């Protein structure tokens, strides 16, 4: 099985809907990077946030993805994790800490390749 349309591309396997395809892509294109869906990541974080604090946490998460580059995004993520822990939301902080890198794959792509949308299907490297 060959996937010429994704060679040297970042790839969001959720759009394909078949995890076997995702696993096979990794075999054929070991350089391809995983981009986790930001919306689903947010929902995972919100699982551990009380309803009254969701808007505040959502603003913090959006601030991570609004940064100019990957280094700034990681710095902001560290600050968000610290703030979540200070708010006594340790489980939410753990989800952010463990999953943030998967949501920032697009920040490593050159500008002009769909970078910044956060909901991309394919991005050129």
Protein backbone atom coordinates (compact mmCIF):
# COMPACT_ATOMS: atom_id res chain seq x y z
CA UNK A 1 0.00 0.00 0.00
CA UNK A 2 1.48 3.36 -1.01
CA UNK A 3 0.31 6.80 0.06
CA UNK A 4 2.08 9.20 -2.33
CA UNK A 5 -0.21 12.08 -1.38
CA UNK A 6 1.22 12.27 2.15
CA UNK A 7 4.93 11.81 1.52
CA UNK A 8 6.81 14.36 3.62
CA UNK A 9 3.55 15.80 4.91
CA UNK A 10 2.16 16.18 8.39
CA UNK A 11 -0.94 14.08 8.66
CA UNK A 12 -4.03 14.09 10.86
CA UNK A 13 -5.25 10.51 10.88
CA UNK A 14 -8.59 11.38 12.48
CA UNK A 15 -9.72 12.66 9.10
CA UNK A 16 -9.05 9.24 7.58
CA UNK A 17 -11.18 7.50 10.21
CA UNK A 18 -9.15 4.31 10.18
CA UNK A 19 -6.38 3.79 12.72
CA UNK A 20 -4.88 0.95 10.65
CA UNK A 21 -4.18 3.48 7.91
CA UNK A 22 -2.45 5.69 10.48
CA UNK A 23 -0.24 2.81 11.60
CA UNK A 24 0.63 1.88 8.02
CA UNK A 25 1.50 5.48 7.20
CA UNK A 26 4.07 5.43 10.00
CA UNK A 27 5.75 2.42 8.37
CA UNK A 28 5.91 4.02 4.92
CA UNK A 29 6.61 7.58 6.02
CA UNK A 30 8.56 7.55 9.28
CA UNK A 31 9.30 11.28 8.89
CA UNK A 32 5.59 12.22 8.94
CA UNK A 33 4.48 14.04 12.08
CA UNK A 34 1.28 13.56 14.05
CA UNK A 35 -1.04 16.53 14.54
CA UNK A 36 -3.58 15.97 17.30
CA UNK A 37 -6.96 17.64 16.87
CA UNK A 38 -6.93 20.74 19.07
CA UNK A 39 -10.68 20.63 19.68
CA UNK A 40 -10.50 17.07 21.00
CA UNK A 41 -7.49 18.00 23.12
CA UNK A 42 -9.46 20.88 24.67
CA UNK A 43 -12.38 18.55 25.37
CA UNK A 44 -10.04 16.11 27.12
CA UNK A 45 -8.76 18.93 29.33
CA UNK A 46 -12.30 20.17 30.07
CA UNK A 47 -13.19 16.70 31.38
CA UNK A 48 -11.24 17.62 34.52
CA UNK A 49 -12.39 21.25 34.82
CA UNK A 50 -15.48 22.36 36.78
CA UNK A 51 -18.12 24.07 34.63
CA UNK A 52 -17.60 27.41 36.30
CA UNK A 53 -13.94 27.50 35.25
CA UNK A 54 -14.20 26.23 31.67
CA UNK A 55 -14.21 29.71 30.07
CA UNK A 56 -11.09 30.72 31.98
CA UNK A 57 -9.28 27.49 31.10
CA UNK A 58 -10.40 27.75 27.46
CA UNK A 59 -8.84 31.21 27.23
CA UNK A 60 -5.60 29.84 28.69
CA UNK A 61 -5.51 26.97 26.19
CA UNK A 62 -6.26 29.27 23.25
CA UNK A 63 -3.39 31.51 24.36
CA UNK A 64 -0.99 28.58 23.98
CA UNK A 65 -2.00 28.07 20.34
CA UNK A 66 -2.02 31.81 19.59
CA UNK A 67 1.72 32.18 20.17
CA UNK A 68 4.00 33.12 17.31
CA UNK A 69 6.23 30.04 17.27
CA UNK A 70 6.73 26.66 18.91
CA UNK A 71 9.14 27.94 21.56
CA UNK A 72 6.72 30.62 22.73
CA UNK A 73 3.88 28.10 22.66
CA UNK A 74 5.84 25.74 24.91
CA UNK A 75 6.69 28.55 27.33
CA UNK A 76 3.02 29.51 27.49
CA UNK A 77 2.05 25.85 27.99
CA UNK A 78 4.41 25.59 30.96
CA UNK A 79 2.82 28.72 32.47
CA UNK A 80 -0.67 27.29 31.88
CA UNK A 81 0.27 24.01 33.55
CA UNK A 82 1.59 25.92 36.57
CA UNK A 83 -1.57 28.05 36.75
CA UNK A 84 -3.82 24.98 36.48
CA UNK A 85 -1.94 23.38 39.37
CA UNK A 86 -2.34 26.59 41.38
CA UNK A 87 -6.09 26.45 40.64
CA UNK A 88 -6.11 22.90 42.11
CA UNK A 89 -6.80 21.39 38.66
CA UNK A 90 -3.95 18.89 38.74
CA UNK A 91 -5.58 16.34 36.44
CA UNK A 92 -6.29 18.99 33.81
CA UNK A 93 -2.69 20.18 34.16
CA UNK A 94 -1.48 16.60 33.59
CA UNK A 95 -3.55 16.31 30.38
CA UNK A 96 -2.05 19.58 29.09
CA UNK A 97 1.46 18.56 30.09
CA UNK A 98 1.20 15.12 28.47
CA UNK A 99 -0.56 16.14 25.24
CA UNK A 100 0.48 19.66 24.32
CA UNK A 101 3.30 18.66 21.96
CA UNK A 102 0.90 16.67 19.77
CA UNK A 103 -1.23 19.77 19.28
CA UNK A 104 1.71 21.98 18.30
CA UNK A 105 2.96 20.00 15.30
CA UNK A 106 1.69 22.70 12.94
CA UNK A 107 4.03 25.27 14.55
CA UNK A 108 7.01 23.40 13.10
CA UNK A 109 5.76 23.85 9.53
CA UNK A 110 6.79 26.80 7.38
CA UNK A 111 4.37 29.68 7.13
CA UNK A 112 2.09 29.63 4.11
CA UNK A 113 1.38 25.90 4.32
CA UNK A 114 -1.83 26.05 6.29
CA UNK A 115 0.11 26.81 9.46
CA UNK A 116 -1.91 28.42 12.16
CA UNK A 117 -5.30 27.01 11.33
CA UNK A 118 -4.96 24.32 13.99
CA UNK A 119 -7.54 22.18 12.19
CA UNK A 120 -5.52 21.19 9.19
CA UNK A 121 -5.76 17.85 7.49
CA UNK A 122 -2.48 17.95 5.63
CA UNK A 123 0.44 20.32 5.93
CA UNK A 124 3.54 20.41 3.79
CA UNK A 125 6.83 20.21 5.68
